[in-house]
Protein backbone atom coordinates (compact mmCIF):
# COMPACT_ATOMS: atom_id res chain seq x y z
CA MET A 1 -29.07 -10.21 1.73
CA GLU A 2 -26.56 -7.62 0.47
CA THR A 3 -23.37 -7.49 2.33
CA GLN A 4 -21.98 -4.22 3.72
CA GLU A 5 -18.79 -4.52 1.55
CA GLN A 6 -21.06 -4.09 -1.64
CA THR A 7 -22.12 -0.61 -0.54
CA LEU A 8 -18.67 0.59 -1.23
CA PRO A 9 -17.74 1.82 -4.74
CA ILE A 10 -15.63 -0.57 -6.78
CA LEU A 11 -12.42 1.12 -7.72
CA ASP A 12 -9.61 -0.20 -9.95
CA SER A 13 -5.95 -0.03 -9.07
CA GLU A 14 -5.42 3.37 -10.82
CA GLU A 15 -8.42 5.00 -9.01
CA ILE A 16 -7.18 3.63 -5.73
CA ARG A 17 -3.71 5.08 -6.31
CA ALA A 18 -4.98 8.53 -7.30
CA LEU A 19 -7.46 8.65 -4.46
CA GLY A 20 -4.72 7.58 -1.97
CA ALA A 21 -2.26 10.24 -3.29
CA LEU A 22 -4.98 12.86 -2.87
CA ILE A 23 -5.63 11.90 0.72
CA GLU A 24 -1.92 11.70 1.59
CA LYS A 25 -1.06 15.12 0.18
CA SER A 26 -4.05 16.72 1.81
CA ARG A 27 -2.51 15.75 5.21
CA ALA A 28 1.24 15.69 4.47
CA THR A 29 1.47 18.84 2.24
CA PRO A 30 -1.66 20.92 2.74
CA GLU A 31 0.13 23.98 1.25
CA TYR A 32 -0.01 22.09 -2.15
CA TYR A 33 -3.55 21.01 -1.78
CA PRO A 34 -5.95 20.83 -3.67
CA MET A 35 -3.69 19.39 -6.41
CA THR A 36 -2.92 20.17 -9.96
CA ILE A 37 -2.82 17.37 -12.61
CA ASN A 38 0.99 17.67 -12.78
CA GLY A 39 1.31 17.50 -8.91
CA LEU A 40 -1.06 14.43 -8.59
CA THR A 41 0.75 12.64 -11.51
CA ALA A 42 4.07 13.06 -9.58
CA ALA A 43 2.37 11.91 -6.34
CA CYS A 44 0.99 8.76 -8.10
CA ASN A 45 4.39 7.94 -9.47
CA GLN A 46 6.29 8.56 -6.29
CA LYS A 47 8.85 5.83 -5.60
CA SER A 48 8.69 5.93 -1.87
CA SER A 49 5.68 4.80 0.23
CA ARG A 50 4.11 3.16 -2.83
CA LYS A 51 3.37 -0.50 -3.68
CA PRO A 52 3.61 -1.08 -6.49
CA VAL A 53 5.56 1.84 -8.04
CA VAL A 54 3.71 3.14 -11.19
CA THR A 55 4.52 5.42 -14.11
CA TYR A 56 1.32 7.21 -15.12
CA ASP A 57 1.37 10.06 -17.57
CA GLU A 58 -0.84 13.10 -17.24
CA ALA A 59 -3.40 11.95 -19.83
CA THR A 60 -3.87 8.75 -17.72
CA VAL A 61 -4.40 10.83 -14.57
CA VAL A 62 -6.97 12.98 -16.22
CA LEU A 63 -8.89 9.85 -17.20
CA ILE A 64 -8.65 8.55 -13.67
CA LEU A 65 -9.92 11.68 -12.08
CA ASP A 66 -12.94 11.75 -14.50
CA ARG A 67 -13.86 8.23 -13.45
CA LEU A 68 -13.45 9.29 -9.68
CA LYS A 69 -15.56 12.46 -10.31
CA ARG A 70 -18.33 10.35 -11.69
CA LYS A 71 -18.24 8.16 -8.69
CA GLY A 72 -18.50 11.26 -6.43
CA LEU A 73 -15.15 10.74 -4.78
CA VAL A 74 -13.24 13.66 -6.36
CA ALA A 75 -14.18 17.22 -6.99
CA THR A 76 -12.58 20.15 -8.67
CA ALA A 77 -11.52 23.18 -6.78
CA THR A 78 -11.43 26.74 -8.29
CA GLY A 79 -10.82 30.20 -6.99
CA GLY A 80 -8.03 31.69 -5.04
CA GLY A 81 -6.88 33.74 -8.13
CA SER A 82 -5.62 30.67 -9.94
CA ARG A 83 -6.99 29.64 -13.24
CA THR A 84 -5.44 26.14 -13.00
CA VAL A 85 -7.94 23.44 -12.28
CA LYS A 86 -7.18 21.57 -9.10
CA TYR A 87 -8.64 18.47 -7.51
CA LYS A 88 -9.51 17.34 -3.99
CA HIS A 89 -10.91 14.10 -2.62
CA ASN A 90 -14.43 13.70 -1.28
CA LEU A 91 -14.01 10.44 0.62
CA ALA A 92 -14.55 12.02 4.11
CA LEU A 93 -17.68 13.75 2.72
CA VAL A 94 -19.12 10.59 1.17
CA TYR A 95 -18.40 8.57 4.45
CA PRO A 96 -18.23 9.93 8.02
CA LEU A 97 -14.55 9.15 8.35
CA THR A 98 -12.41 10.63 11.20
CA PRO A 99 -8.84 11.74 10.41
CA ASP A 100 -7.32 8.52 12.10
CA GLU A 101 -9.59 6.33 10.02
CA LEU A 102 -8.83 8.22 6.89
CA ALA A 103 -5.11 7.85 7.54
CA VAL A 104 -5.41 4.05 7.85
CA LEU A 105 -7.43 3.81 4.58
CA CYS A 106 -4.83 6.04 2.82
CA LEU A 107 -2.02 3.62 3.86
CA LEU A 108 -3.91 0.71 2.61
CA PHE A 109 -4.58 2.40 -0.75
CA LEU A 110 -1.03 3.31 -1.32
CA ARG A 111 0.92 0.50 0.23
CA GLY A 112 -1.51 -2.55 0.02
CA PRO A 113 -2.23 -4.85 3.05
CA GLN A 114 -0.56 -3.70 6.28
CA THR A 115 -0.19 -5.02 9.73
CA PRO A 116 -1.19 -2.87 12.82
CA GLY A 117 2.61 -2.36 13.48
CA GLU A 118 3.30 -1.20 9.87
CA ILE A 119 0.35 1.27 10.04
CA ASN A 120 1.64 2.62 13.34
CA THR A 121 5.07 3.07 11.93
CA ASN A 122 4.08 4.52 8.55
CA SER A 123 1.30 6.89 9.57
CA GLY A 124 3.46 9.69 10.98
CA ARG A 125 2.89 12.23 8.21
CA LEU A 126 -0.87 11.45 8.10
CA TYR A 127 -1.82 10.94 11.68
CA GLU A 128 0.08 10.62 14.98
CA PHE A 129 -1.09 7.50 16.83
CA ASP A 130 -0.33 7.47 20.47
CA ASN A 131 0.26 3.71 20.42
CA LEU A 132 -0.50 0.40 18.86
CA GLU A 133 -3.66 -0.07 20.87
CA GLU A 134 -5.06 3.13 19.25
CA VAL A 135 -4.24 1.65 15.82
CA GLN A 136 -6.14 -1.51 16.74
CA ALA A 137 -9.14 0.42 17.99
CA VAL A 138 -9.43 2.22 14.58
CA LEU A 139 -9.02 -1.06 12.66
CA GLU A 140 -11.84 -2.50 14.73
CA LYS A 141 -14.05 0.47 13.88
CA LEU A 142 -13.26 0.27 10.17
CA SER A 143 -13.95 -3.49 10.13
CA SER A 144 -17.36 -3.20 11.85
CA GLY A 145 -20.44 -1.09 11.95
CA GLU A 146 -22.80 0.03 9.30
CA THR A 147 -20.22 0.23 6.57
CA ILE A 148 -17.26 -2.16 6.52
CA PHE A 149 -14.20 -0.58 4.92
CA ILE A 150 -11.45 -3.15 5.72
CA LYS A 151 -10.99 -6.85 6.13
CA GLN A 152 -8.42 -8.87 8.24
CA LEU A 153 -6.31 -11.27 6.22
CA ALA A 154 -4.95 -14.62 7.43
CA ARG A 155 -1.54 -14.41 9.16
CA GLN A 156 1.37 -14.95 6.62
CA THR A 157 3.90 -17.67 7.19
CA GLY A 158 6.52 -16.36 9.54
CA GLN A 159 4.61 -13.27 10.42
CA LYS A 160 3.36 -12.58 13.93
CA GLU A 161 0.75 -9.86 13.08
CA MET A 162 -2.38 -10.03 10.99
CA ARG A 163 -2.56 -7.82 7.84
CA PHE A 164 -5.55 -5.66 6.95
CA MET A 165 -6.75 -4.81 3.48
CA HIS A 166 -9.30 -2.23 2.26
CA LEU A 167 -12.55 -3.33 0.42
CA PHE A 168 -12.75 -0.62 -2.29
CA GLY A 169 -11.05 -2.77 -4.92
CA THR A 170 -12.36 -4.89 -7.82
CA ASP A 171 -12.75 -8.53 -7.22
CA GLU A 172 -9.45 -9.12 -9.14
CA LEU A 173 -7.54 -6.68 -6.98
CA ILE A 174 -8.93 -8.00 -3.69
CA GLU A 175 -7.96 -11.59 -4.85
CA GLU A 176 -4.45 -10.32 -5.57
CA TYR A 177 -4.30 -9.06 -1.99
CA LEU A 178 -5.55 -12.32 -0.64
CA GLN A 179 -2.68 -14.28 -2.41
CA GLU A 180 0.08 -14.89 0.02
CA PRO A 181 3.64 -14.28 -1.19
CA GLU A 182 5.82 -17.39 -1.41
CA PRO A 183 9.05 -16.61 0.47
CA THR A 184 9.55 -20.24 1.04
CA LYS A 185 10.65 -20.85 -2.56
CA VAL A 186 13.20 -18.13 -2.52
CA SER A 187 14.38 -19.37 0.81
CA ASN A 188 14.79 -22.92 -0.49
CA ASP A 189 16.60 -21.58 -3.51
CA TYR A 190 18.98 -19.66 -1.35
CA GLU A 191 19.60 -22.64 0.89
CA THR A 192 20.23 -24.84 -2.08
CA ARG A 193 22.81 -22.43 -3.50
CA LEU A 194 24.42 -21.99 -0.15
CA SER A 195 24.67 -25.73 0.29
CA THR A 196 26.35 -26.07 -3.17
CA VAL A 197 28.81 -23.36 -2.30
CA GLU A 198 29.63 -25.12 1.04
CA ILE A 199 30.21 -28.36 -0.80
CA GLU A 200 32.40 -26.68 -3.43
CA LEU A 201 34.43 -24.85 -0.79
CA ALA A 202 35.01 -28.09 1.14
CA GLU A 203 36.24 -29.80 -2.06
CA LEU A 204 38.58 -26.84 -2.68
CA LYS A 205 40.04 -26.99 0.77
CA GLU A 206 40.54 -30.79 0.37
CA ALA A 207 42.22 -30.26 -2.95
CA PHE A 208 44.44 -27.46 -1.51
CA HIS A 209 45.60 -29.58 1.43
CA LYS A 210 46.37 -32.37 -0.92
CA LEU A 211 48.42 -30.24 -3.14
CA MET A 212 50.29 -28.77 -0.17
CA LYS A 213 51.13 -32.20 1.15
CA GLU A 214 52.52 -33.18 -2.33
CA LEU A 215 54.52 -30.04 -2.52
CA MET A 216 55.91 -30.37 1.01
CA GLY A 217 56.54 -34.17 0.52
């Protein structure tokens, strides 16, 4: 039997970044939406609120948009006296997503897996959640029902909250999300260096006191 996750389009990391940027700007800066190629390129390459940071050129963004158009997730917008072709996302048309659900997916597209607390903190420009319980309710809706959009990940070492990831990615991208970072190694390296410094400092102090005794003697 086919799982609900397979009903979602499979997007690569470039498509997810462009789609997320379109969703974000439609909410955060509606006066500049729909977006031009130049504006969307800058939004994709934005250094804040992005993980990872990328450096797409306009030719790359054109190809990304073409792929998204063929998947029905992006459309061109014309009119308004402007001859410049602009683009808008169709995600909320393809799926019956409410503004709060769209905001959560947008954050997961642009920032990768997030905890409920992180979503609550980072969602301000997209949607104003009243509290953490409201975020939890939206996560519950997105992870159940006829179409499953997100999945809960195992709790990371040293982290109290569970993270959630979207299910629009390729198998490789989802596998990358599932891989837990290894802070322990960094911590161990730091502790080793600190221990070495402490030993060297103790030896220097001992040598200093010995030298002072010899000078005073």
